[in-house]
């Protein structure tokens, strides 16, 4: 399995306030980004896996909504997460 409990705690510890704070927008965005990267690499080798393709589109939409929420609430936190995850060019 590509996403273990330890990996989740590591992601939340790095991008959220603490490893236990799984509700922070930054932590959720980082987790979604990790999952999106994994699904993207899977789809490169399995281009006809349409259920994974649908899951990827749904994850991208969730991340986009969280980023929009963060941008409207606190632009500095938004800029920090964009920079740390390298989501924009």
C-alpha atoms as a PDB file:
ATOM      1  CA  UNK A   1       0.000   0.000   0.000  1.00  0.00           C
ATOM      2  CA  UNK A   2       1.381   3.365  -0.968  1.00  0.00           C
ATOM      3  CA  UNK A   3      -0.153   5.444   1.829  1.00  0.00           C
ATOM      4  CA  UNK A   4       0.476   4.092   5.299  1.00  0.00           C
ATOM      5  CA  UNK A   5      -0.534   5.616   8.609  1.00  0.00           C
ATOM      6  CA  UNK A   6       3.076   6.624   9.228  1.00  0.00           C
ATOM      7  CA  UNK A   7       3.248   8.438   5.891  1.00  0.00           C
ATOM      8  CA  UNK A   8       0.021  10.312   6.697  1.00  0.00           C
ATOM      9  CA  UNK A   9       1.379  11.386  10.078  1.00  0.00           C
ATOM     10  CA  UNK A  10       4.580  12.521   8.400  1.00  0.00           C
ATOM     11  CA  UNK A  11       2.655  14.614   5.858  1.00  0.00           C
ATOM     12  CA  UNK A  12       0.450  16.202   8.533  1.00  0.00           C
ATOM     13  CA  UNK A  13       3.454  16.868  10.775  1.00  0.00           C
ATOM     14  CA  UNK A  14       5.300  18.602   7.944  1.00  0.00           C
ATOM     15  CA  UNK A  15       2.479  20.703   6.493  1.00  0.00           C
ATOM     16  CA  UNK A  16      -0.091  20.944   9.298  1.00  0.00           C
ATOM     17  CA  UNK A  17       0.524  22.340  12.749  1.00  0.00           C
ATOM     18  CA  UNK A  18       0.938  18.887  14.359  1.00  0.00           C
ATOM     19  CA  UNK A  19       0.719  15.259  13.297  1.00  0.00           C
ATOM     20  CA  UNK A  20      -2.618  14.908  15.111  1.00  0.00           C
ATOM     21  CA  UNK A  21      -4.205  17.964  13.467  1.00  0.00           C
ATOM     22  CA  UNK A  22      -5.643  16.237  10.415  1.00  0.00           C
ATOM     23  CA  UNK A  23      -8.241  18.945   9.856  1.00  0.00           C
ATOM     24  CA  UNK A  24      -5.900  21.740   8.846  1.00  0.00           C
ATOM     25  CA  UNK A  25      -6.373  22.897   5.276  1.00  0.00           C
ATOM     26  CA  UNK A  26      -2.627  22.809   4.586  1.00  0.00           C
ATOM     27  CA  UNK A  27      -2.335  19.212   5.761  1.00  0.00           C
ATOM     28  CA  UNK A  28      -5.306  18.097   3.695  1.00  0.00           C
ATOM     29  CA  UNK A  29      -3.981  19.869   0.599  1.00  0.00           C
ATOM     30  CA  UNK A  30      -0.590  18.198   1.060  1.00  0.00           C
ATOM     31  CA  UNK A  31      -2.227  14.784   1.474  1.00  0.00           C
ATOM     32  CA  UNK A  32      -4.365  15.293  -1.629  1.00  0.00           C
ATOM     33  CA  UNK A  33      -1.269  16.361  -3.569  1.00  0.00           C
ATOM     34  CA  UNK A  34       0.569  13.223  -2.500  1.00  0.00           C
ATOM     35  CA  UNK A  35      -2.361  11.052  -3.601  1.00  0.00           C
ATOM     36  CA  UNK A  36      -2.726  12.975  -6.887  1.00  0.00           C
ATOM     37  CA  UNK A  37       0.939  12.408  -7.702  1.00  0.00           C
ATOM     38  CA  UNK A  38       0.575   8.688  -6.997  1.00  0.00           C
ATOM     39  CA  UNK A  39      -2.549   8.334  -9.146  1.00  0.00           C
ATOM     40  CA  UNK A  40      -0.947  10.316 -11.965  1.00  0.00           C
ATOM     41  CA  UNK A  41       2.028   7.957 -12.089  1.00  0.00           C
ATOM     42  CA  UNK A  42      -0.361   4.978 -11.993  1.00  0.00           C
ATOM     43  CA  UNK A  43      -2.340   6.356 -14.934  1.00  0.00           C
ATOM     44  CA  UNK A  44       0.826   6.818 -16.992  1.00  0.00           C
ATOM     45  CA  UNK A  45       1.352   3.064 -16.922  1.00  0.00           C
ATOM     46  CA  UNK A  46      -2.371   2.122 -17.003  1.00  0.00           C
ATOM     47  CA  UNK A  47      -4.076   4.602 -19.335  1.00  0.00           C
ATOM     48  CA  UNK A  48      -7.355   2.642 -19.585  1.00  0.00           C
ATOM     49  CA  UNK A  49      -8.014   2.551 -15.843  1.00  0.00           C
ATOM     50  CA  UNK A  50     -11.081   4.777 -15.921  1.00  0.00           C
ATOM     51  CA  UNK A  51     -12.098   4.338 -12.278  1.00  0.00           C
ATOM     52  CA  UNK A  52      -8.702   5.657 -11.197  1.00  0.00           C
ATOM     53  CA  UNK A  53      -9.050   8.486 -13.689  1.00  0.00           C
ATOM     54  CA  UNK A  54     -12.388   9.453 -12.139  1.00  0.00           C
ATOM     55  CA  UNK A  55     -10.894   9.295  -8.635  1.00  0.00           C
ATOM     56  CA  UNK A  56      -8.062  11.548  -9.787  1.00  0.00           C
ATOM     57  CA  UNK A  57     -10.477  14.135 -11.167  1.00  0.00           C
ATOM     58  CA  UNK A  58     -12.451  14.099  -7.901  1.00  0.00           C
ATOM     59  CA  UNK A  59      -9.264  14.562  -5.849  1.00  0.00           C
ATOM     60  CA  UNK A  60      -8.131  17.472  -8.010  1.00  0.00           C
ATOM     61  CA  UNK A  61     -11.548  19.097  -7.471  1.00  0.00           C
ATOM     62  CA  UNK A  62     -11.331  18.619  -3.695  1.00  0.00           C
ATOM     63  CA  UNK A  63      -7.846  20.132  -3.613  1.00  0.00           C
ATOM     64  CA  UNK A  64      -8.997  23.040  -5.780  1.00  0.00           C
ATOM     65  CA  UNK A  65     -11.911  23.782  -3.440  1.00  0.00           C
ATOM     66  CA  UNK A  66      -9.631  23.696  -0.398  1.00  0.00           C
ATOM     67  CA  UNK A  67      -7.147  26.001  -2.119  1.00  0.00           C
ATOM     68  CA  UNK A  68      -9.945  28.421  -3.016  1.00  0.00           C
ATOM     69  CA  UNK A  69     -11.163  28.352   0.595  1.00  0.00           C
ATOM     70  CA  UNK A  70      -7.671  29.051   1.886  1.00  0.00           C
ATOM     71  CA  UNK A  71      -7.164  31.848  -0.642  1.00  0.00           C
ATOM     72  CA  UNK A  72     -10.359  33.568   0.474  1.00  0.00           C
ATOM     73  CA  UNK A  73      -9.650  33.129   4.215  1.00  0.00           C
ATOM     74  CA  UNK A  74      -5.899  33.795   4.493  1.00  0.00           C
ATOM     75  CA  UNK A  75      -3.873  34.709   1.419  1.00  0.00           C
ATOM     76  CA  UNK A  76      -0.523  34.322   3.222  1.00  0.00           C
ATOM     77  CA  UNK A  77      -1.227  30.702   4.211  1.00  0.00           C
ATOM     78  CA  UNK A  78      -2.346  30.072   0.625  1.00  0.00           C
ATOM     79  CA  UNK A  79       0.871  31.498  -0.799  1.00  0.00           C
ATOM     80  CA  UNK A  80       2.956  29.498   1.689  1.00  0.00           C
ATOM     81  CA  UNK A  81       1.346  26.157   0.799  1.00  0.00           C
ATOM     82  CA  UNK A  82       1.575  26.872  -2.933  1.00  0.00           C
ATOM     83  CA  UNK A  83       5.262  27.641  -2.552  1.00  0.00           C
ATOM     84  CA  UNK A  84       6.072  24.657  -0.341  1.00  0.00           C
ATOM     85  CA  UNK A  85       4.235  22.138  -2.544  1.00  0.00           C
ATOM     86  CA  UNK A  86       5.379  23.802  -5.799  1.00  0.00           C
ATOM     87  CA  UNK A  87       1.858  23.732  -7.256  1.00  0.00           C
ATOM     88  CA  UNK A  88       2.343  26.746  -9.511  1.00  0.00           C
ATOM     89  CA  UNK A  89       5.093  27.626 -11.921  1.00  0.00           C
END
